[in-house]
Amino acid sequence: MAFVCEQARKLLHHAIASDRLPHALLFAGPPEAGTHRLALDLAATLNGARADSLETLMHPMCRVLRPGSKSRRILIEEVRAVEPFLALRAEEGETKLVIILEADRMGEEAANAFLKTLEEPPPQTLIILITALPDHLLRTILSRCVRIDLRDPSGEIRLCEAQQRFLPALQAALPLIGSDVAALALRADLQKLLTERRDLITKRLTSELKAEAKSIAEGTDVHDWEARQKDATTALIETEYLSERSRILELLSLCLGQAVMLASHAPDVKPLVPEIAALASALPVQDLLRRMRAVDELRTDLNFNINEALALDARLLDIIGKSPI
């Protein structure tokens, strides 16, 4: 469940009042949803530290980490730099607060070093991770944080770049639902987009790795650093690709879900595109629900590592093609 910032703030203040605040929190969502405001509120509540932004937050009991290397990653050296701070003894009524911005940008070494801190947190410590891409974090880190998903209180739907690229193909397919030809056309558009996104992610992360390897080699004479990081970069490429693929499929679910709500005469539904309203008028609710279940089945298939191309072939016929007799 996603909260608006004020709802999350009240929950956290209740946890503080009842002495139940966990030692590690994950604020998941874009800055406009209030992730930074929520962290600033906790800094003020716990330590009296007040600032207009996390960039200007200055207090003896607060530390803010952010990507700073040439590749915009959080490096192990930066994680280790806060260890002496965490070892300090806080004054009565104060909390050692570490806020990590864009936590998904932690390199593998930094993430593993940080994991040790999460496993054995010092007393009077609160660690806040902030990211719009929580799926990019190690599962072992996710499992040790209490996650709070935040949503934009305006209710405005914000599409990521991959979703924006997919939307025109989806708009072309929605009026043709019930046609196997339309399903095959959408499958071709989707596969082309996925290939392009994987290539872009690979190019960007590989370039970042080379830039960071050059910087580290110049500073430490570790000339084989890049080679040792290739496996980690390959894993990061796959993680980011799977996250983008998931968000593309979320857009498909969103469009069908809005059509279901409109067909059910739910109030205050603002369709993302006009084709959704037309679809709600053209198909019965049960048919739309069946197609939504097919999207869930596609995502399940992909999560179980069923061949991507085969899964798309089969499930998109169920989602877009003819209804079963």
C-alpha atoms as a PDB file:
ATOM      1  CA  MET A   1       0.000   0.000   0.000  1.00  0.00           C
ATOM      2  CA  ALA A   2       1.314   3.452  -0.930  1.00  0.00           C
ATOM      3  CA  PHE A   3       0.807   6.395   1.434  1.00  0.00           C
ATOM      4  CA  VAL A   4       0.720  10.109   0.868  1.00  0.00           C
ATOM      5  CA  CYS A   5       3.455  11.892   2.802  1.00  0.00           C
ATOM      6  CA  GLU A   6       1.197  13.157   5.588  1.00  0.00           C
ATOM      7  CA  GLN A   7      -0.186   9.665   6.258  1.00  0.00           C
ATOM      8  CA  ALA A   8       3.344   8.266   6.497  1.00  0.00           C
ATOM      9  CA  ARG A   9       4.415  11.129   8.771  1.00  0.00           C
ATOM     10  CA  LYS A  10       1.596  10.386  11.233  1.00  0.00           C
ATOM     11  CA  LEU A  11       2.469   6.674  11.265  1.00  0.00           C
ATOM     12  CA  LEU A  12       6.125   7.407  11.968  1.00  0.00           C
ATOM     13  CA  HIS A  13       5.323   9.921  14.712  1.00  0.00           C
ATOM     14  CA  HIS A  14       3.107   7.312  16.338  1.00  0.00           C
ATOM     15  CA  ALA A  15       5.998   4.832  16.157  1.00  0.00           C
ATOM     16  CA  ILE A  16       8.303   7.390  17.797  1.00  0.00           C
ATOM     17  CA  ALA A  17       5.775   8.131  20.574  1.00  0.00           C
ATOM     18  CA  SER A  18       5.352   4.431  21.310  1.00  0.00           C
ATOM     19  CA  ASP A  19       9.122   3.761  21.099  1.00  0.00           C
ATOM     20  CA  ARG A  20       8.620   1.430  18.125  1.00  0.00           C
ATOM     21  CA  LEU A  21      10.617   3.240  15.462  1.00  0.00           C
ATOM     22  CA  PRO A  22      12.675   0.669  13.512  1.00  0.00           C
ATOM     23  CA  HIS A  23      16.405   1.156  13.029  1.00  0.00           C
ATOM     24  CA  ALA A  24      16.166   1.174   9.214  1.00  0.00           C
ATOM     25  CA  LEU A  25      13.523   2.700   6.935  1.00  0.00           C
ATOM     26  CA  LEU A  26      13.167   2.624   3.163  1.00  0.00           C
ATOM     27  CA  PHE A  27      11.246   5.506   1.593  1.00  0.00           C
ATOM     28  CA  ALA A  28      10.301   4.341  -1.908  1.00  0.00           C
ATOM     29  CA  GLY A  29       9.027   6.847  -4.421  1.00  0.00           C
ATOM     30  CA  PRO A  30      10.015   9.946  -6.406  1.00  0.00           C
ATOM     31  CA  PRO A  31      10.979  13.162  -4.570  1.00  0.00           C
ATOM     32  CA  GLU A  32       7.683  14.798  -5.550  1.00  0.00           C
ATOM     33  CA  ALA A  33       5.865  12.155  -3.493  1.00  0.00           C
ATOM     34  CA  GLY A  34       7.531  13.561  -0.375  1.00  0.00           C
ATOM     35  CA  THR A  35      10.400  11.162   0.333  1.00  0.00           C
ATOM     36  CA  HIS A  36      12.805  14.025   1.076  1.00  0.00           C
ATOM     37  CA  ARG A  37      10.230  15.966   3.116  1.00  0.00           C
ATOM     38  CA  LEU A  38       9.572  12.902   5.244  1.00  0.00           C
ATOM     39  CA  ALA A  39      13.287  12.434   5.976  1.00  0.00           C
ATOM     40  CA  LEU A  40      13.610  16.125   6.882  1.00  0.00           C
ATOM     41  CA  ASP A  41      10.619  15.817   9.208  1.00  0.00           C
ATOM     42  CA  LEU A  42      12.271  12.926  11.056  1.00  0.00           C
ATOM     43  CA  ALA A  43      15.554  14.853  11.317  1.00  0.00           C
ATOM     44  CA  ALA A  44      13.659  17.742  12.905  1.00  0.00           C
ATOM     45  CA  THR A  45      11.586  15.510  15.185  1.00  0.00           C
ATOM     46  CA  LEU A  46      14.439  13.326  16.430  1.00  0.00           C
ATOM     47  CA  ASN A  47      17.296  15.841  16.575  1.00  0.00           C
ATOM     48  CA  GLY A  48      15.815  19.296  16.114  1.00  0.00           C
ATOM     49  CA  ALA A  49      17.693  19.565  12.830  1.00  0.00           C
ATOM     50  CA  ARG A  50      15.874  21.917  10.493  1.00  0.00           C
ATOM     51  CA  ALA A  51      16.671  22.617   6.861  1.00  0.00           C
ATOM     52  CA  ASP A  52      14.931  23.520   3.629  1.00  0.00           C
ATOM     53  CA  SER A  53      16.378  20.509   1.832  1.00  0.00           C
ATOM     54  CA  LEU A  54      18.523  17.451   2.441  1.00  0.00           C
ATOM     55  CA  GLU A  55      21.327  19.174   0.530  1.00  0.00           C
ATOM     56  CA  THR A  56      21.444  21.896   3.208  1.00  0.00           C
ATOM     57  CA  LEU A  57      20.818  19.649   6.226  1.00  0.00           C
ATOM     58  CA  MET A  58      23.603  20.310   8.747  1.00  0.00           C
ATOM     59  CA  HIS A  59      23.582  18.814  12.228  1.00  0.00           C
ATOM     60  CA  PRO A  60      26.156  16.943  14.357  1.00  0.00           C
ATOM     61  CA  MET A  61      23.819  13.933  14.578  1.00  0.00           C
ATOM     62  CA  CYS A  62      22.892  13.782  10.877  1.00  0.00           C
ATOM     63  CA  ARG A  63      24.775  12.541   7.846  1.00  0.00           C
ATOM     64  CA  VAL A  64      23.548  12.522   4.224  1.00  0.00           C
ATOM     65  CA  LEU A  65      25.106  10.248   1.591  1.00  0.00           C
ATOM     66  CA  ARG A  66      24.474  10.731  -2.115  1.00  0.00           C
ATOM     67  CA  PRO A  67      26.028   9.505  -5.365  1.00  0.00           C
ATOM     68  CA  GLY A  68      29.251  11.395  -5.887  1.00  0.00           C
ATOM     69  CA  SER A  69      31.655   9.352  -7.994  1.00  0.00           C
ATOM     70  CA  LYS A  70      32.199   9.911 -11.719  1.00  0.00           C
ATOM     71  CA  SER A  71      29.702   7.143 -12.424  1.00  0.00           C
ATOM     72  CA  ARG A  72      27.195   8.593  -9.922  1.00  0.00           C
ATOM     73  CA  ARG A  73      27.495   5.618  -7.611  1.00  0.00           C
ATOM     74  CA  ILE A  74      27.814   5.529  -3.857  1.00  0.00           C
ATOM     75  CA  LEU A  75      31.213   3.943  -3.272  1.00  0.00           C
ATOM     76  CA  ILE A  76      32.418   1.739  -0.442  1.00  0.00           C
ATOM     77  CA  GLU A  77      34.709   4.519   0.775  1.00  0.00           C
ATOM     78  CA  GLU A  78      31.706   6.767   1.324  1.00  0.00           C
ATOM     79  CA  VAL A  79      29.858   4.069   3.255  1.00  0.00           C
ATOM     80  CA  ARG A  80      32.869   3.386   5.442  1.00  0.00           C
ATOM     81  CA  ALA A  81      33.280   7.107   6.085  1.00  0.00           C
ATOM     82  CA  VAL A  82      30.097   7.123   8.188  1.00  0.00           C
ATOM     83  CA  GLU A  83      31.163   4.164  10.345  1.00  0.00           C
ATOM     84  CA  PRO A  84      33.088   6.341  12.860  1.00  0.00           C
ATOM     85  CA  PHE A  85      30.003   8.570  13.130  1.00  0.00           C
ATOM     86  CA  LEU A  86      27.778   5.558  13.867  1.00  0.00           C
ATOM     87  CA  ALA A  87      30.240   4.393  16.525  1.00  0.00           C
ATOM     88  CA  LEU A  88      29.782   7.649  18.444  1.00  0.00           C
ATOM     89  CA  ARG A  89      27.549   7.790  21.478  1.00  0.00           C
ATOM     90  CA  ALA A  90      24.511  10.001  20.954  1.00  0.00           C
ATOM     91  CA  GLU A  91      23.372  12.412  23.621  1.00  0.00           C
ATOM     92  CA  GLU A  92      20.228  11.598  25.575  1.00  0.00           C
ATOM     93  CA  GLY A  93      17.190  12.264  23.392  1.00  0.00           C
ATOM     94  CA  GLU A  94      19.168  12.347  20.146  1.00  0.00           C
ATOM     95  CA  THR A  95      19.457   9.800  17.341  1.00  0.00           C
ATOM     96  CA  LYS A  96      22.352   9.208  14.962  1.00  0.00           C
ATOM     97  CA  LEU A  97      20.641   9.669  11.619  1.00  0.00           C
ATOM     98  CA  VAL A  98      22.100   8.532   8.293  1.00  0.00           C
ATOM     99  CA  ILE A  99      20.122   9.361   5.134  1.00  0.00           C
ATOM    100  CA  ILE A 100      21.145   7.720   1.867  1.00  0.00           C
ATOM    101  CA  LEU A 101      19.803   9.424  -1.264  1.00  0.00           C
ATOM    102  CA  GLU A 102      19.386   7.377  -4.437  1.00  0.00           C
ATOM    103  CA  ALA A 103      20.239   4.284  -2.437  1.00  0.00           C
ATOM    104  CA  ASP A 104      19.856   2.188  -5.595  1.00  0.00           C
ATOM    105  CA  ARG A 105      23.149   3.738  -6.754  1.00  0.00           C
ATOM    106  CA  MET A 106      25.216   1.859  -4.197  1.00  0.00           C
ATOM    107  CA  GLY A 107      27.869  -0.261  -5.886  1.00  0.00           C
ATOM    108  CA  GLU A 108      28.128  -3.917  -4.938  1.00  0.00           C
ATOM    109  CA  GLU A 109      31.019  -3.384  -2.525  1.00  0.00           C
ATOM    110  CA  ALA A 110      29.270  -0.427  -0.901  1.00  0.00           C
ATOM    111  CA  ALA A 111      25.994  -2.359  -0.588  1.00  0.00           C
ATOM    112  CA  ASN A 112      27.726  -5.321   1.048  1.00  0.00           C
ATOM    113  CA  ALA A 113      29.581  -3.055   3.462  1.00  0.00           C
ATOM    114  CA  PHE A 114      26.359  -1.242   4.289  1.00  0.00           C
ATOM    115  CA  LEU A 115      24.602  -4.575   4.863  1.00  0.00           C
ATOM    116  CA  LYS A 116      26.899  -5.258   7.811  1.00  0.00           C
ATOM    117  CA  THR A 117      25.726  -2.035   9.427  1.00  0.00           C
ATOM    118  CA  LEU A 118      22.095  -3.021   8.912  1.00  0.00           C
ATOM    119  CA  GLU A 119      22.680  -6.456  10.418  1.00  0.00           C
ATOM    120  CA  GLU A 120      24.195  -5.023  13.612  1.00  0.00           C
ATOM    121  CA  PRO A 121      23.018  -1.423  13.940  1.00  0.00           C
ATOM    122  CA  PRO A 122      24.580   0.610  16.758  1.00  0.00           C
ATOM    123  CA  PRO A 123      22.218   1.868  19.467  1.00  0.00           C
ATOM    124  CA  GLN A 124      20.403   5.177  19.004  1.00  0.00           C
ATOM    125  CA  THR A 125      20.687   4.893  15.234  1.00  0.00           C
ATOM    126  CA  LEU A 126      18.227   5.423  12.400  1.00  0.00           C
ATOM    127  CA  ILE A 127      19.165   4.740   8.787  1.00  0.00           C
ATOM    128  CA  ILE A 128      16.886   6.038   6.034  1.00  0.00           C
ATOM    129  CA  LEU A 129      17.266   4.827   2.461  1.00  0.00           C
ATOM    130  CA  ILE A 130      15.550   6.894  -0.223  1.00  0.00           C
ATOM    131  CA  THR A 131      15.048   5.628  -3.758  1.00  0.00           C
ATOM    132  CA  ALA A 132      12.574   5.716  -6.611  1.00  0.00           C
ATOM    133  CA  LEU A 133      13.892   2.297  -7.696  1.00  0.00           C
ATOM    134  CA  PRO A 134      13.651  -0.013  -4.672  1.00  0.00           C
ATOM    135  CA  ASP A 135      13.870  -3.128  -6.863  1.00  0.00           C
ATOM    136  CA  HIS A 136      17.485  -2.216  -7.609  1.00  0.00           C
ATOM    137  CA  LEU A 137      18.504  -2.774  -3.976  1.00  0.00           C
ATOM    138  CA  LEU A 138      19.891  -6.083  -2.754  1.00  0.00           C
ATOM    139  CA  ARG A 139      17.156  -8.312  -1.382  1.00  0.00           C
ATOM    140  CA  THR A 140      19.174  -8.713   1.804  1.00  0.00           C
ATOM    141  CA  ILE A 141      19.025  -4.934   2.282  1.00  0.00           C
ATOM    142  CA  LEU A 142      15.309  -4.796   1.486  1.00  0.00           C
ATOM    143  CA  SER A 143      14.603  -7.512   4.053  1.00  0.00           C
ATOM    144  CA  ARG A 144      16.252  -5.473   6.823  1.00  0.00           C
ATOM    145  CA  CYS A 145      14.339  -2.244   6.229  1.00  0.00           C
ATOM    146  CA  VAL A 146      10.770  -1.262   6.952  1.00  0.00           C
ATOM    147  CA  ARG A 147       9.556  -0.086   3.552  1.00  0.00           C
ATOM    148  CA  ILE A 148       7.201   2.863   3.147  1.00  0.00           C
ATOM    149  CA  ASP A 149       5.941   3.468  -0.378  1.00  0.00           C
ATOM    150  CA  LEU A 150       4.914   7.060  -1.050  1.00  0.00           C
ATOM    151  CA  ARG A 151       2.633   8.313  -3.793  1.00  0.00           C
ATOM    152  CA  ASP A 152       1.980  11.745  -5.205  1.00  0.00           C
ATOM    153  CA  PRO A 153      -0.986  13.253  -3.277  1.00  0.00           C
ATOM    154  CA  SER A 154      -2.217  14.973  -6.448  1.00  0.00           C
ATOM    155  CA  GLY A 155      -3.076  11.570  -7.881  1.00  0.00           C
ATOM    156  CA  GLU A 156      -1.298  12.550 -11.089  1.00  0.00           C
ATOM    157  CA  ILE A 157       0.027   9.565 -13.026  1.00  0.00           C
ATOM    158  CA  ARG A 158       3.708   9.989 -13.817  1.00  0.00           C
ATOM    159  CA  LEU A 159       5.118   7.717 -16.484  1.00  0.00           C
ATOM    160  CA  CYS A 160       8.774   6.760 -16.633  1.00  0.00           C
ATOM    161  CA  GLU A 161      10.619   7.057 -19.952  1.00  0.00           C
ATOM    162  CA  ALA A 162      10.059   3.410 -20.897  1.00  0.00           C
ATOM    163  CA  GLN A 163       6.326   3.725 -20.197  1.00  0.00           C
ATOM    164  CA  GLN A 164       6.137   6.884 -22.285  1.00  0.00           C
ATOM    165  CA  ARG A 165       7.794   5.028 -25.152  1.00  0.00           C
ATOM    166  CA  PHE A 166       5.316   2.149 -24.862  1.00  0.00           C
ATOM    167  CA  LEU A 167       2.176   4.283 -24.571  1.00  0.00           C
ATOM    168  CA  PRO A 168       1.694   5.061 -28.330  1.00  0.00           C
ATOM    169  CA  ALA A 169       1.816   1.352 -29.226  1.00  0.00           C
ATOM    170  CA  LEU A 170      -0.659   0.624 -26.453  1.00  0.00           C
ATOM    171  CA  GLN A 171      -2.973   3.411 -27.623  1.00  0.00           C
ATOM    172  CA  ALA A 172      -2.961   1.858 -31.095  1.00  0.00           C
ATOM    173  CA  ALA A 173      -3.764  -1.604 -29.687  1.00  0.00           C
ATOM    174  CA  LEU A 174      -6.561  -0.739 -27.243  1.00  0.00           C
ATOM    175  CA  PRO A 175      -9.214   0.081 -29.879  1.00  0.00           C
ATOM    176  CA  LEU A 176      -8.401  -3.212 -31.601  1.00  0.00           C
ATOM    177  CA  ILE A 177      -8.729  -5.487 -28.574  1.00  0.00           C
ATOM    178  CA  GLY A 178     -10.264  -8.737 -29.706  1.00  0.00           C
ATOM    179  CA  SER A 179      -7.962  -9.017 -32.717  1.00  0.00           C
ATOM    180  CA  ASP A 180      -5.112 -11.527 -32.760  1.00  0.00           C
ATOM    181  CA  VAL A 181      -3.408  -9.375 -35.394  1.00  0.00           C
ATOM    182  CA  ALA A 182      -3.423  -6.443 -32.956  1.00  0.00           C
ATOM    183  CA  ALA A 183      -1.946  -8.695 -30.273  1.00  0.00           C
ATOM    184  CA  LEU A 184       0.885  -9.740 -32.570  1.00  0.00           C
ATOM    185  CA  ALA A 185       1.538  -6.120 -33.568  1.00  0.00           C
ATOM    186  CA  LEU A 186       1.739  -5.047 -29.934  1.00  0.00           C
ATOM    187  CA  ARG A 187       4.024  -7.977 -29.179  1.00  0.00           C
ATOM    188  CA  ALA A 188       6.399  -6.842 -31.952  1.00  0.00           C
ATOM    189  CA  ASP A 189       6.374  -3.240 -30.677  1.00  0.00           C
ATOM    190  CA  LEU A 190       6.954  -4.381 -27.115  1.00  0.00           C
ATOM    191  CA  GLN A 191       9.819  -6.714 -28.000  1.00  0.00           C
ATOM    192  CA  LYS A 192      11.484  -3.955 -30.034  1.00  0.00           C
ATOM    193  CA  LEU A 193      11.166  -1.547 -27.107  1.00  0.00           C
ATOM    194  CA  LEU A 194      12.542  -4.091 -24.625  1.00  0.00           C
ATOM    195  CA  THR A 195      15.546  -4.742 -26.847  1.00  0.00           C
ATOM    196  CA  GLU A 196      16.206  -1.014 -27.152  1.00  0.00           C
ATOM    197  CA  ARG A 197      15.918  -0.495 -23.393  1.00  0.00           C
ATOM    198  CA  ARG A 198      18.303  -3.377 -22.629  1.00  0.00           C
ATOM    199  CA  ASP A 199      20.832  -1.982 -25.125  1.00  0.00           C
ATOM    200  CA  LEU A 200      20.589   1.499 -23.609  1.00  0.00           C
ATOM    201  CA  ILE A 201      20.978   0.185 -20.060  1.00  0.00           C
ATOM    202  CA  THR A 202      23.952  -1.962 -21.073  1.00  0.00           C
ATOM    203  CA  LYS A 203      25.674   0.916 -22.859  1.00  0.00           C
ATOM    204  CA  ARG A 204      25.132   3.335 -19.966  1.00  0.00           C
ATOM    205  CA  LEU A 205      26.207   1.041 -17.147  1.00  0.00           C
ATOM    206  CA  THR A 206      29.201  -0.262 -19.082  1.00  0.00           C
ATOM    207  CA  SER A 207      30.292   3.313 -19.759  1.00  0.00           C
ATOM    208  CA  GLU A 208      29.865   4.169 -16.074  1.00  0.00           C
ATOM    209  CA  LEU A 209      31.951   1.159 -15.094  1.00  0.00           C
ATOM    210  CA  LYS A 210      34.793   2.216 -17.415  1.00  0.00           C
ATOM    211  CA  ALA A 211      34.738   5.773 -16.052  1.00  0.00           C
ATOM    212  CA  GLU A 212      34.803   4.567 -12.469  1.00  0.00           C
ATOM    213  CA  ALA A 213      37.513   1.979 -13.199  1.00  0.00           C
ATOM    214  CA  LYS A 214      39.705   4.699 -14.683  1.00  0.00           C
ATOM    215  CA  SER A 215      39.202   6.920 -11.640  1.00  0.00           C
ATOM    216  CA  ILE A 216      39.964   4.136  -9.175  1.00  0.00           C
ATOM    217  CA  ALA A 217      42.969   2.902 -11.127  1.00  0.00           C
ATOM    218  CA  GLU A 218      44.433   6.402 -11.228  1.00  0.00           C
ATOM    219  CA  GLY A 219      43.997   6.818  -7.506  1.00  0.00           C
ATOM    220  CA  THR A 220      44.958   3.396  -6.196  1.00  0.00           C
ATOM    221  CA  ASP A 221      46.851   1.532  -8.945  1.00  0.00           C
ATOM    222  CA  VAL A 222      44.165  -1.156  -8.944  1.00  0.00           C
ATOM    223  CA  HIS A 223      44.353  -1.887 -12.665  1.00  0.00           C
ATOM    224  CA  ASP A 224      42.206  -5.003 -12.584  1.00  0.00           C
ATOM    225  CA  TRP A 225      39.262  -3.318 -10.836  1.00  0.00           C
ATOM    226  CA  GLU A 226      37.137  -3.184 -13.987  1.00  0.00           C
ATOM    227  CA  ALA A 227      37.575  -6.880 -14.675  1.00  0.00           C
ATOM    228  CA  ARG A 228      36.596  -7.758 -11.121  1.00  0.00           C
ATOM    229  CA  GLN A 229      33.441  -5.646 -11.397  1.00  0.00           C
ATOM    230  CA  LYS A 230      32.145  -7.059 -14.682  1.00  0.00           C
ATOM    231  CA  ASP A 231      29.965  -9.708 -13.040  1.00  0.00           C
ATOM    232  CA  ALA A 232      28.463  -7.108 -10.726  1.00  0.00           C
ATOM    233  CA  THR A 233      27.769  -4.809 -13.671  1.00  0.00           C
ATOM    234  CA  THR A 234      26.136  -7.652 -15.603  1.00  0.00           C
ATOM    235  CA  ALA A 235      23.855  -8.308 -12.619  1.00  0.00           C
ATOM    236  CA  LEU A 236      23.054  -4.596 -12.338  1.00  0.00           C
ATOM    237  CA  ILE A 237      22.159  -4.444 -16.041  1.00  0.00           C
ATOM    238  CA  GLU A 238      19.776  -7.377 -15.618  1.00  0.00           C
ATOM    239  CA  THR A 239      18.196  -5.882 -12.496  1.00  0.00           C
ATOM    240  CA  GLU A 240      17.588  -2.522 -14.152  1.00  0.00           C
ATOM    241  CA  TYR A 241      16.231  -4.156 -17.294  1.00  0.00           C
ATOM    242  CA  LEU A 242      13.796  -6.321 -15.323  1.00  0.00           C
ATOM    243  CA  SER A 243      12.641  -3.259 -13.406  1.00  0.00           C
ATOM    244  CA  GLU A 244      11.914  -1.372 -16.645  1.00  0.00           C
ATOM    245  CA  ARG A 245      10.117  -4.388 -18.107  1.00  0.00           C
ATOM    246  CA  SER A 246       7.982  -4.610 -14.986  1.00  0.00           C
ATOM    247  CA  ARG A 247       7.034  -0.934 -15.208  1.00  0.00           C
ATOM    248  CA  ILE A 248       6.066  -1.324 -18.860  1.00  0.00           C
ATOM    249  CA  LEU A 249       3.714  -4.138 -17.895  1.00  0.00           C
ATOM    250  CA  GLU A 250       2.394  -1.993 -15.032  1.00  0.00           C
ATOM    251  CA  LEU A 251       1.242   0.480 -17.679  1.00  0.00           C
ATOM    252  CA  LEU A 252      -0.713  -2.274 -19.416  1.00  0.00           C
ATOM    253  CA  SER A 253      -2.331  -3.206 -16.082  1.00  0.00           C
ATOM    254  CA  LEU A 254      -3.105   0.446 -15.368  1.00  0.00           C
ATOM    255  CA  CYS A 255      -4.926   0.948 -18.662  1.00  0.00           C
ATOM    256  CA  LEU A 256      -7.022  -2.192 -18.249  1.00  0.00           C
ATOM    257  CA  GLY A 257      -7.665  -1.391 -14.594  1.00  0.00           C
ATOM    258  CA  GLN A 258      -8.952   2.070 -15.436  1.00  0.00           C
ATOM    259  CA  ALA A 259     -11.198   0.532 -18.095  1.00  0.00           C
ATOM    260  CA  VAL A 260     -12.623  -1.858 -15.479  1.00  0.00           C
ATOM    261  CA  MET A 261     -13.345   1.034 -13.098  1.00  0.00           C
ATOM    262  CA  LEU A 262     -15.005   3.080 -15.828  1.00  0.00           C
ATOM    263  CA  ALA A 263     -17.080   0.099 -16.970  1.00  0.00           C
ATOM    264  CA  SER A 264     -18.120  -0.404 -13.331  1.00  0.00           C
ATOM    265  CA  HIS A 265     -19.149   3.276 -13.090  1.00  0.00           C
ATOM    266  CA  ALA A 266     -16.565   4.044 -10.403  1.00  0.00           C
ATOM    267  CA  PRO A 267     -16.444   7.778  -9.565  1.00  0.00           C
ATOM    268  CA  ASP A 268     -13.543  10.167 -10.185  1.00  0.00           C
ATOM    269  CA  VAL A 269     -11.675   8.018 -12.702  1.00  0.00           C
ATOM    270  CA  LYS A 270      -9.520  10.075 -15.062  1.00  0.00           C
ATOM    271  CA  PRO A 271      -8.409   7.801 -17.903  1.00  0.00           C
ATOM    272  CA  LEU A 272      -4.798   8.153 -18.904  1.00  0.00           C
ATOM    273  CA  VAL A 273      -5.735   8.245 -22.611  1.00  0.00           C
ATOM    274  CA  PRO A 274      -9.126   8.515 -24.402  1.00  0.00           C
ATOM    275  CA  GLU A 275      -8.820   4.962 -25.750  1.00  0.00           C
ATOM    276  CA  ILE A 276      -9.382   3.624 -22.229  1.00  0.00           C
ATOM    277  CA  ALA A 277     -12.848   5.193 -21.991  1.00  0.00           C
ATOM    278  CA  ALA A 278     -13.746   3.802 -25.408  1.00  0.00           C
ATOM    279  CA  LEU A 279     -12.564   0.351 -24.321  1.00  0.00           C
ATOM    280  CA  ALA A 280     -14.711   0.532 -21.170  1.00  0.00           C
ATOM    281  CA  SER A 281     -17.747   1.188 -23.353  1.00  0.00           C
ATOM    282  CA  ALA A 282     -16.923  -1.567 -25.823  1.00  0.00           C
ATOM    283  CA  LEU A 283     -16.241  -4.561 -23.554  1.00  0.00           C
ATOM    284  CA  PRO A 284     -18.047  -6.032 -20.536  1.00  0.00           C
ATOM    285  CA  VAL A 285     -16.404  -5.891 -17.130  1.00  0.00           C
ATOM    286  CA  GLN A 286     -15.836  -9.659 -16.993  1.00  0.00           C
ATOM    287  CA  ASP A 287     -13.916  -9.617 -20.252  1.00  0.00           C
ATOM    288  CA  LEU A 288     -11.752  -6.736 -19.047  1.00  0.00           C
ATOM    289  CA  LEU A 289     -11.081  -8.530 -15.761  1.00  0.00           C
ATOM    290  CA  ARG A 290     -10.040 -11.668 -17.632  1.00  0.00           C
ATOM    291  CA  ARG A 291      -7.559  -9.646 -19.653  1.00  0.00           C
ATOM    292  CA  MET A 292      -6.196  -8.061 -16.463  1.00  0.00           C
ATOM    293  CA  ARG A 293      -5.660 -11.546 -15.007  1.00  0.00           C
ATOM    294  CA  ALA A 294      -3.733 -12.437 -18.164  1.00  0.00           C
ATOM    295  CA  VAL A 295      -1.357  -9.517 -17.471  1.00  0.00           C
ATOM    296  CA  ASP A 296      -0.803 -10.874 -13.946  1.00  0.00           C
ATOM    297  CA  GLU A 297      -0.167 -14.324 -15.405  1.00  0.00           C
ATOM    298  CA  LEU A 298       2.379 -12.846 -17.825  1.00  0.00           C
ATOM    299  CA  ARG A 299       4.216 -11.160 -14.973  1.00  0.00           C
ATOM    300  CA  THR A 300       4.171 -14.407 -12.975  1.00  0.00           C
ATOM    301  CA  ASP A 301       5.574 -16.312 -15.950  1.00  0.00           C
ATOM    302  CA  LEU A 302       8.397 -13.806 -16.326  1.00  0.00           C
ATOM    303  CA  ASN A 303       9.143 -13.838 -12.591  1.00  0.00           C
ATOM    304  CA  PHE A 304       9.608 -17.601 -12.843  1.00  0.00           C
ATOM    305  CA  ASN A 305      12.110 -17.075 -15.675  1.00  0.00           C
ATOM    306  CA  ILE A 306       9.929 -18.553 -18.395  1.00  0.00           C
ATOM    307  CA  ASN A 307      11.428 -17.600 -21.774  1.00  0.00           C
ATOM    308  CA  GLU A 308      10.498 -13.974 -22.358  1.00  0.00           C
ATOM    309  CA  ALA A 309       9.634 -14.313 -26.045  1.00  0.00           C
ATOM    310  CA  LEU A 310       7.445 -17.378 -25.484  1.00  0.00           C
ATOM    311  CA  ALA A 311       5.655 -15.759 -22.541  1.00  0.00           C
ATOM    312  CA  LEU A 312       4.920 -12.620 -24.574  1.00  0.00           C
ATOM    313  CA  ASP A 313       3.672 -14.672 -27.528  1.00  0.00           C
ATOM    314  CA  ALA A 314       1.202 -16.636 -25.422  1.00  0.00           C
ATOM    315  CA  ARG A 315      -0.026 -14.058 -22.935  1.00  0.00           C
ATOM    316  CA  LEU A 316      -0.431 -11.072 -25.250  1.00  0.00           C
ATOM    317  CA  LEU A 317      -2.888 -13.124 -27.289  1.00  0.00           C
ATOM    318  CA  ASP A 318      -4.888 -13.539 -24.068  1.00  0.00           C
ATOM    319  CA  ILE A 319      -4.551  -9.854 -23.157  1.00  0.00           C
ATOM    320  CA  ILE A 320      -5.218  -8.252 -26.556  1.00  0.00           C
ATOM    321  CA  GLY A 321      -6.453 -11.048 -28.832  1.00  0.00           C
ATOM    322  CA  LYS A 322      -9.800 -12.771 -29.246  1.00  0.00           C
ATOM    323  CA  SER A 323     -11.759 -13.748 -26.177  1.00  0.00           C
ATOM    324  CA  PRO A 324     -11.906 -17.527 -25.557  1.00  0.00           C
ATOM    325  CA  ILE A 325     -15.073 -19.239 -26.645  1.00  0.00           C
END
